[in-house]
Amino acid sequence: MGGAASYLLSPAANRTTNDIDLVIHVDHRMTTANSLTTVLLESYPAEFEGVSQFGHTIPAYKLAQPTGGVRLVELEVFDHRSWPQRPQSNIPAATRTRMNINAQVVKLFSAGWILREKILSQYQRQGSQKEGADIGDLIRMIPLAQQGIAELDFNGNAEMQTALANLLQKRPELAQPLKAKIKCDTAFQI
């Protein structure tokens, strides 16, 4: 849902990421983020290793490097039931898209959904290196985002309005392209 998803939708030669955000939907099988983490670590020890992040153990994929070494790529697994403070992980409420990657259908959040999340995250991560990556990602999502989707209606959402206003202060040249996609009366005074 983060940098990796942004890259899949709009590749950029200089875009890298240290982790993959995976959002799962808890259905009748009751597979949660915690239970999936346990399965990956216990059933696939050759492929995954546990790493500590913010006091929690998460799986990290053992990516073989051309030099013979291994790089650990953290897999941050979220589900709405386990992380209710992250409403963006509520899959039924989000628009999605599908891609065929190595003959496998992979579901991704839509470019509009990612655009909204990157507008918010650039605001939340001001002053960090990730802020710049978030802005680069959202710029690449603008032409791909579908106008009129619920995720891009910021009216009535003070946090999104503040994040958008902050972005437009830093990057005023984005006002017109964003106005074409986002409904936000406070930022784009009509």
C-alpha atoms as a PDB file:
ATOM      1  CA  MET A   1       0.000   0.000   0.000  1.00  0.00           C
ATOM      2  CA  GLY A   2       3.009   2.304   0.409  1.00  0.00           C
ATOM      3  CA  GLY A   3       6.145   2.823  -1.638  1.00  0.00           C
ATOM      4  CA  ALA A   4       6.076  -0.653  -3.170  1.00  0.00           C
ATOM      5  CA  ALA A   5       2.496  -0.184  -4.399  1.00  0.00           C
ATOM      6  CA  SER A   6       3.354   3.275  -5.732  1.00  0.00           C
ATOM      7  CA  TYR A   7       6.244   1.779  -7.677  1.00  0.00           C
ATOM      8  CA  LEU A   8       4.081  -1.014  -9.122  1.00  0.00           C
ATOM      9  CA  LEU A   9       1.519   1.506 -10.393  1.00  0.00           C
ATOM     10  CA  SER A  10       4.069   4.033 -11.660  1.00  0.00           C
ATOM     11  CA  PRO A  11       7.679   2.815 -11.773  1.00  0.00           C
ATOM     12  CA  ALA A  12      10.405   5.330 -11.026  1.00  0.00           C
ATOM     13  CA  ALA A  13      14.058   4.469 -11.513  1.00  0.00           C
ATOM     14  CA  ASN A  14      15.162   6.156  -8.304  1.00  0.00           C
ATOM     15  CA  ARG A  15      12.326   4.868  -6.046  1.00  0.00           C
ATOM     16  CA  THR A  16      13.391   2.359  -3.408  1.00  0.00           C
ATOM     17  CA  THR A  17      11.694   1.029  -0.314  1.00  0.00           C
ATOM     18  CA  ASN A  18      12.846  -0.843   2.752  1.00  0.00           C
ATOM     19  CA  ASP A  19       9.554  -2.561   3.464  1.00  0.00           C
ATOM     20  CA  ILE A  20       6.323  -3.782   1.973  1.00  0.00           C
ATOM     21  CA  ASP A  21       2.987  -2.833   3.501  1.00  0.00           C
ATOM     22  CA  LEU A  22       0.466  -5.662   3.221  1.00  0.00           C
ATOM     23  CA  VAL A  23      -3.169  -5.066   4.142  1.00  0.00           C
ATOM     24  CA  ILE A  24      -5.340  -8.140   4.524  1.00  0.00           C
ATOM     25  CA  HIS A  25      -9.088  -8.551   4.866  1.00  0.00           C
ATOM     26  CA  VAL A  26     -10.206 -10.724   7.764  1.00  0.00           C
ATOM     27  CA  ASP A  27     -12.893 -12.986   6.349  1.00  0.00           C
ATOM     28  CA  HIS A  28     -14.635 -16.164   7.555  1.00  0.00           C
ATOM     29  CA  ARG A  29     -11.229 -17.902   7.838  1.00  0.00           C
ATOM     30  CA  MET A  30     -10.258 -15.340  10.528  1.00  0.00           C
ATOM     31  CA  THR A  31      -6.706 -14.860   9.261  1.00  0.00           C
ATOM     32  CA  THR A  32      -5.484 -11.727  11.043  1.00  0.00           C
ATOM     33  CA  ALA A  33      -2.256  -9.781  10.692  1.00  0.00           C
ATOM     34  CA  ASN A  34      -0.929 -11.505  13.810  1.00  0.00           C
ATOM     35  CA  SER A  35      -1.875 -15.018  12.697  1.00  0.00           C
ATOM     36  CA  LEU A  36      -0.419 -14.475   9.210  1.00  0.00           C
ATOM     37  CA  THR A  37       2.810 -13.205  10.769  1.00  0.00           C
ATOM     38  CA  THR A  38       3.001 -16.351  12.901  1.00  0.00           C
ATOM     39  CA  VAL A  39       2.355 -18.633   9.913  1.00  0.00           C
ATOM     40  CA  LEU A  40       5.030 -16.943   7.799  1.00  0.00           C
ATOM     41  CA  LEU A  41       7.647 -17.116  10.544  1.00  0.00           C
ATOM     42  CA  GLU A  42       6.881 -20.674  11.684  1.00  0.00           C
ATOM     43  CA  SER A  43       6.049 -22.338   8.358  1.00  0.00           C
ATOM     44  CA  TYR A  44       8.576 -20.614   6.099  1.00  0.00           C
ATOM     45  CA  PRO A  45      11.779 -20.094   8.132  1.00  0.00           C
ATOM     46  CA  ALA A  46      13.939 -20.375   4.998  1.00  0.00           C
ATOM     47  CA  GLU A  47      12.098 -17.414   3.427  1.00  0.00           C
ATOM     48  CA  PHE A  48      11.226 -15.238   6.445  1.00  0.00           C
ATOM     49  CA  GLU A  49      12.998 -14.062   9.571  1.00  0.00           C
ATOM     50  CA  GLY A  50      11.480 -12.202  12.503  1.00  0.00           C
ATOM     51  CA  VAL A  51      12.670  -8.644  13.112  1.00  0.00           C
ATOM     52  CA  SER A  52      11.688  -6.256  15.872  1.00  0.00           C
ATOM     53  CA  GLN A  53       9.878  -3.082  14.907  1.00  0.00           C
ATOM     54  CA  PHE A  54       8.337  -0.746  17.476  1.00  0.00           C
ATOM     55  CA  GLY A  55       8.287  -3.543  20.043  1.00  0.00           C
ATOM     56  CA  HIS A  56       6.583  -6.079  17.744  1.00  0.00           C
ATOM     57  CA  THR A  57       8.048  -8.966  15.790  1.00  0.00           C
ATOM     58  CA  ILE A  58       7.268  -8.736  12.092  1.00  0.00           C
ATOM     59  CA  PRO A  59       8.301 -11.006   9.222  1.00  0.00           C
ATOM     60  CA  ALA A  60      11.140  -9.960   6.941  1.00  0.00           C
ATOM     61  CA  TYR A  61      11.592 -11.658   3.581  1.00  0.00           C
ATOM     62  CA  LYS A  62      15.103 -12.958   2.926  1.00  0.00           C
ATOM     63  CA  LEU A  63      15.870 -11.411  -0.461  1.00  0.00           C
ATOM     64  CA  ALA A  64      18.915 -12.976  -2.107  1.00  0.00           C
ATOM     65  CA  GLN A  65      21.349 -10.366  -3.407  1.00  0.00           C
ATOM     66  CA  PRO A  66      23.359 -10.799  -6.629  1.00  0.00           C
ATOM     67  CA  THR A  67      26.516 -10.577  -4.491  1.00  0.00           C
ATOM     68  CA  GLY A  68      25.464 -13.658  -2.546  1.00  0.00           C
ATOM     69  CA  GLY A  69      24.287 -11.849   0.571  1.00  0.00           C
ATOM     70  CA  VAL A  70      20.776 -11.578   1.922  1.00  0.00           C
ATOM     71  CA  ARG A  71      18.789  -8.391   2.443  1.00  0.00           C
ATOM     72  CA  LEU A  72      15.858  -8.463   4.837  1.00  0.00           C
ATOM     73  CA  VAL A  73      12.748  -6.772   3.435  1.00  0.00           C
ATOM     74  CA  GLU A  74      10.285  -6.090   6.229  1.00  0.00           C
ATOM     75  CA  LEU A  75       6.675  -7.091   5.628  1.00  0.00           C
ATOM     76  CA  GLU A  76       4.330  -4.869   7.630  1.00  0.00           C
ATOM     77  CA  VAL A  77       1.009  -6.709   7.822  1.00  0.00           C
ATOM     78  CA  PHE A  78      -2.160  -4.802   8.732  1.00  0.00           C
ATOM     79  CA  ASP A  79      -5.810  -5.681   9.094  1.00  0.00           C
ATOM     80  CA  HIS A  80      -8.643  -3.383  10.086  1.00  0.00           C
ATOM     81  CA  ARG A  81      -9.692  -5.478  13.078  1.00  0.00           C
ATOM     82  CA  SER A  82      -6.209  -5.498  14.612  1.00  0.00           C
ATOM     83  CA  TRP A  83      -5.469  -1.864  13.690  1.00  0.00           C
ATOM     84  CA  PRO A  84      -8.781   0.052  14.026  1.00  0.00           C
ATOM     85  CA  GLN A  85      -6.787   3.271  14.485  1.00  0.00           C
ATOM     86  CA  ARG A  86      -5.787   2.899  10.818  1.00  0.00           C
ATOM     87  CA  PRO A  87      -9.132   3.336   9.019  1.00  0.00           C
ATOM     88  CA  GLN A  88      -7.270   3.316   5.717  1.00  0.00           C
ATOM     89  CA  SER A  89      -6.753  -0.437   6.169  1.00  0.00           C
ATOM     90  CA  ASN A  90     -10.520  -1.039   5.965  1.00  0.00           C
ATOM     91  CA  ILE A  91     -10.426  -2.846   2.633  1.00  0.00           C
ATOM     92  CA  PRO A  92     -14.188  -2.906   1.881  1.00  0.00           C
ATOM     93  CA  ALA A  93     -14.210   0.911   2.064  1.00  0.00           C
ATOM     94  CA  ALA A  94     -11.282   1.364  -0.352  1.00  0.00           C
ATOM     95  CA  THR A  95     -11.134   1.360  -4.140  1.00  0.00           C
ATOM     96  CA  ARG A  96      -8.724  -1.212  -5.491  1.00  0.00           C
ATOM     97  CA  THR A  97      -7.107  -2.313  -8.708  1.00  0.00           C
ATOM     98  CA  ARG A  98      -5.616  -5.591  -9.912  1.00  0.00           C
ATOM     99  CA  MET A  99      -2.303  -6.238 -11.614  1.00  0.00           C
ATOM    100  CA  ASN A 100      -0.886  -9.381 -13.153  1.00  0.00           C
ATOM    101  CA  ILE A 101       2.634  -9.913 -11.793  1.00  0.00           C
ATOM    102  CA  ASN A 102       4.540 -13.057 -12.748  1.00  0.00           C
ATOM    103  CA  ALA A 103       1.246 -14.727 -13.744  1.00  0.00           C
ATOM    104  CA  GLN A 104      -0.301 -13.938 -10.341  1.00  0.00           C
ATOM    105  CA  VAL A 105      -3.171 -11.514  -9.808  1.00  0.00           C
ATOM    106  CA  VAL A 106      -2.171  -8.994  -7.152  1.00  0.00           C
ATOM    107  CA  LYS A 107      -4.698  -6.591  -5.647  1.00  0.00           C
ATOM    108  CA  LEU A 108      -3.510  -3.065  -4.894  1.00  0.00           C
ATOM    109  CA  PHE A 109      -5.209  -0.032  -3.498  1.00  0.00           C
ATOM    110  CA  SER A 110      -6.141   2.358  -6.302  1.00  0.00           C
ATOM    111  CA  ALA A 111      -3.965   5.281  -7.333  1.00  0.00           C
ATOM    112  CA  GLY A 112      -6.569   7.607  -5.785  1.00  0.00           C
ATOM    113  CA  TRP A 113      -6.403   5.777  -2.477  1.00  0.00           C
ATOM    114  CA  ILE A 114      -2.592   5.904  -2.517  1.00  0.00           C
ATOM    115  CA  LEU A 115      -2.708   9.597  -3.478  1.00  0.00           C
ATOM    116  CA  ARG A 116      -4.852  10.338  -0.418  1.00  0.00           C
ATOM    117  CA  GLU A 117      -2.576   8.330   1.876  1.00  0.00           C
ATOM    118  CA  LYS A 118       0.565   9.983   0.496  1.00  0.00           C
ATOM    119  CA  ILE A 119      -0.935  13.453   1.024  1.00  0.00           C
ATOM    120  CA  LEU A 120      -1.576  12.513   4.639  1.00  0.00           C
ATOM    121  CA  SER A 121       1.763  10.778   5.210  1.00  0.00           C
ATOM    122  CA  GLN A 122       3.843  13.642   3.766  1.00  0.00           C
ATOM    123  CA  TYR A 123       2.171  15.870   6.342  1.00  0.00           C
ATOM    124  CA  GLN A 124       2.683  13.423   9.197  1.00  0.00           C
ATOM    125  CA  ARG A 125       6.341  12.809   8.297  1.00  0.00           C
ATOM    126  CA  GLN A 126       7.436  16.412   7.751  1.00  0.00           C
ATOM    127  CA  GLY A 127      11.165  16.890   8.023  1.00  0.00           C
ATOM    128  CA  SER A 128      12.006  13.227   7.477  1.00  0.00           C
ATOM    129  CA  GLN A 129      13.497  11.565   4.400  1.00  0.00           C
ATOM    130  CA  LYS A 130      10.200   9.748   3.907  1.00  0.00           C
ATOM    131  CA  GLU A 131       8.415  13.072   3.386  1.00  0.00           C
ATOM    132  CA  GLY A 132      10.272  13.539   0.105  1.00  0.00           C
ATOM    133  CA  ALA A 133       9.469   9.990  -1.021  1.00  0.00           C
ATOM    134  CA  ASP A 134       5.799  10.554  -0.156  1.00  0.00           C
ATOM    135  CA  ILE A 135       5.690  13.725  -2.262  1.00  0.00           C
ATOM    136  CA  GLY A 136       7.378  11.959  -5.177  1.00  0.00           C
ATOM    137  CA  ASP A 137       4.889   9.090  -4.922  1.00  0.00           C
ATOM    138  CA  LEU A 138       1.861  11.377  -4.799  1.00  0.00           C
ATOM    139  CA  ILE A 139       3.082  13.335  -7.827  1.00  0.00           C
ATOM    140  CA  ARG A 140       3.240  10.061  -9.792  1.00  0.00           C
ATOM    141  CA  MET A 141      -0.256   9.084  -8.579  1.00  0.00           C
ATOM    142  CA  ILE A 142      -1.995  12.311  -9.679  1.00  0.00           C
ATOM    143  CA  PRO A 143      -2.342  11.397 -13.374  1.00  0.00           C
ATOM    144  CA  LEU A 144      -3.430   7.851 -12.480  1.00  0.00           C
ATOM    145  CA  ALA A 145      -6.060   8.810  -9.887  1.00  0.00           C
ATOM    146  CA  GLN A 146      -9.700   8.650 -10.865  1.00  0.00           C
ATOM    147  CA  GLN A 147     -11.642  11.836 -10.225  1.00  0.00           C
ATOM    148  CA  GLY A 148     -14.753  11.625  -8.070  1.00  0.00           C
ATOM    149  CA  ILE A 149     -13.932   8.594  -5.912  1.00  0.00           C
ATOM    150  CA  ALA A 150     -14.908   8.757  -2.248  1.00  0.00           C
ATOM    151  CA  GLU A 151     -11.283   8.676  -1.068  1.00  0.00           C
ATOM    152  CA  LEU A 152     -10.622  11.982  -2.808  1.00  0.00           C
ATOM    153  CA  ASP A 153     -13.491  13.894  -1.208  1.00  0.00           C
ATOM    154  CA  PHE A 154     -11.737  15.786   1.593  1.00  0.00           C
ATOM    155  CA  ASN A 155     -14.755  17.927   2.532  1.00  0.00           C
ATOM    156  CA  GLY A 156     -15.696  17.072   6.099  1.00  0.00           C
ATOM    157  CA  ASN A 157     -12.269  15.599   6.905  1.00  0.00           C
ATOM    158  CA  ALA A 158     -10.249  18.205   8.794  1.00  0.00           C
ATOM    159  CA  GLU A 159      -7.097  16.077   8.900  1.00  0.00           C
ATOM    160  CA  MET A 160      -7.037  15.629   5.118  1.00  0.00           C
ATOM    161  CA  GLN A 161      -7.819  19.321   4.565  1.00  0.00           C
ATOM    162  CA  THR A 162      -4.889  20.306   6.790  1.00  0.00           C
ATOM    163  CA  ALA A 163      -2.544  17.830   5.092  1.00  0.00           C
ATOM    164  CA  LEU A 164      -3.541  19.095   1.637  1.00  0.00           C
ATOM    165  CA  ALA A 165      -3.138  22.745   2.644  1.00  0.00           C
ATOM    166  CA  ASN A 166       0.315  21.916   4.010  1.00  0.00           C
ATOM    167  CA  LEU A 167       1.289  20.208   0.751  1.00  0.00           C
ATOM    168  CA  LEU A 168       0.064  23.148  -1.329  1.00  0.00           C
ATOM    169  CA  GLN A 169       2.130  25.563   0.777  1.00  0.00           C
ATOM    170  CA  LYS A 170       5.240  23.519  -0.009  1.00  0.00           C
ATOM    171  CA  ARG A 171       4.340  22.689  -3.604  1.00  0.00           C
ATOM    172  CA  PRO A 172       1.954  25.343  -4.998  1.00  0.00           C
ATOM    173  CA  GLU A 173       2.525  24.072  -8.544  1.00  0.00           C
ATOM    174  CA  LEU A 174       0.463  20.995  -7.603  1.00  0.00           C
ATOM    175  CA  ALA A 175      -2.706  23.033  -6.955  1.00  0.00           C
ATOM    176  CA  GLN A 176      -4.208  22.715 -10.440  1.00  0.00           C
ATOM    177  CA  PRO A 177      -3.467  19.012 -11.007  1.00  0.00           C
ATOM    178  CA  LEU A 178      -4.760  18.167  -7.518  1.00  0.00           C
ATOM    179  CA  LYS A 179      -7.859  20.350  -7.920  1.00  0.00           C
ATOM    180  CA  ALA A 180      -8.774  18.278 -10.969  1.00  0.00           C
ATOM    181  CA  LYS A 181      -8.828  15.119  -8.819  1.00  0.00           C
ATOM    182  CA  ILE A 182      -9.682  16.145  -5.245  1.00  0.00           C
ATOM    183  CA  LYS A 183     -12.823  17.690  -3.805  1.00  0.00           C
ATOM    184  CA  CYS A 184     -11.758  20.085  -1.039  1.00  0.00           C
ATOM    185  CA  ASP A 185     -13.586  23.399  -0.795  1.00  0.00           C
ATOM    186  CA  THR A 186     -11.218  24.784   1.859  1.00  0.00           C
ATOM    187  CA  ALA A 187      -8.064  24.191  -0.193  1.00  0.00           C
ATOM    188  CA  PHE A 188      -9.523  25.015  -3.596  1.00  0.00           C
ATOM    189  CA  GLN A 189     -11.850  27.869  -2.737  1.00  0.00           C
ATOM    190  CA  ILE A 190     -14.506  27.667  -5.391  1.00  0.00           C
END
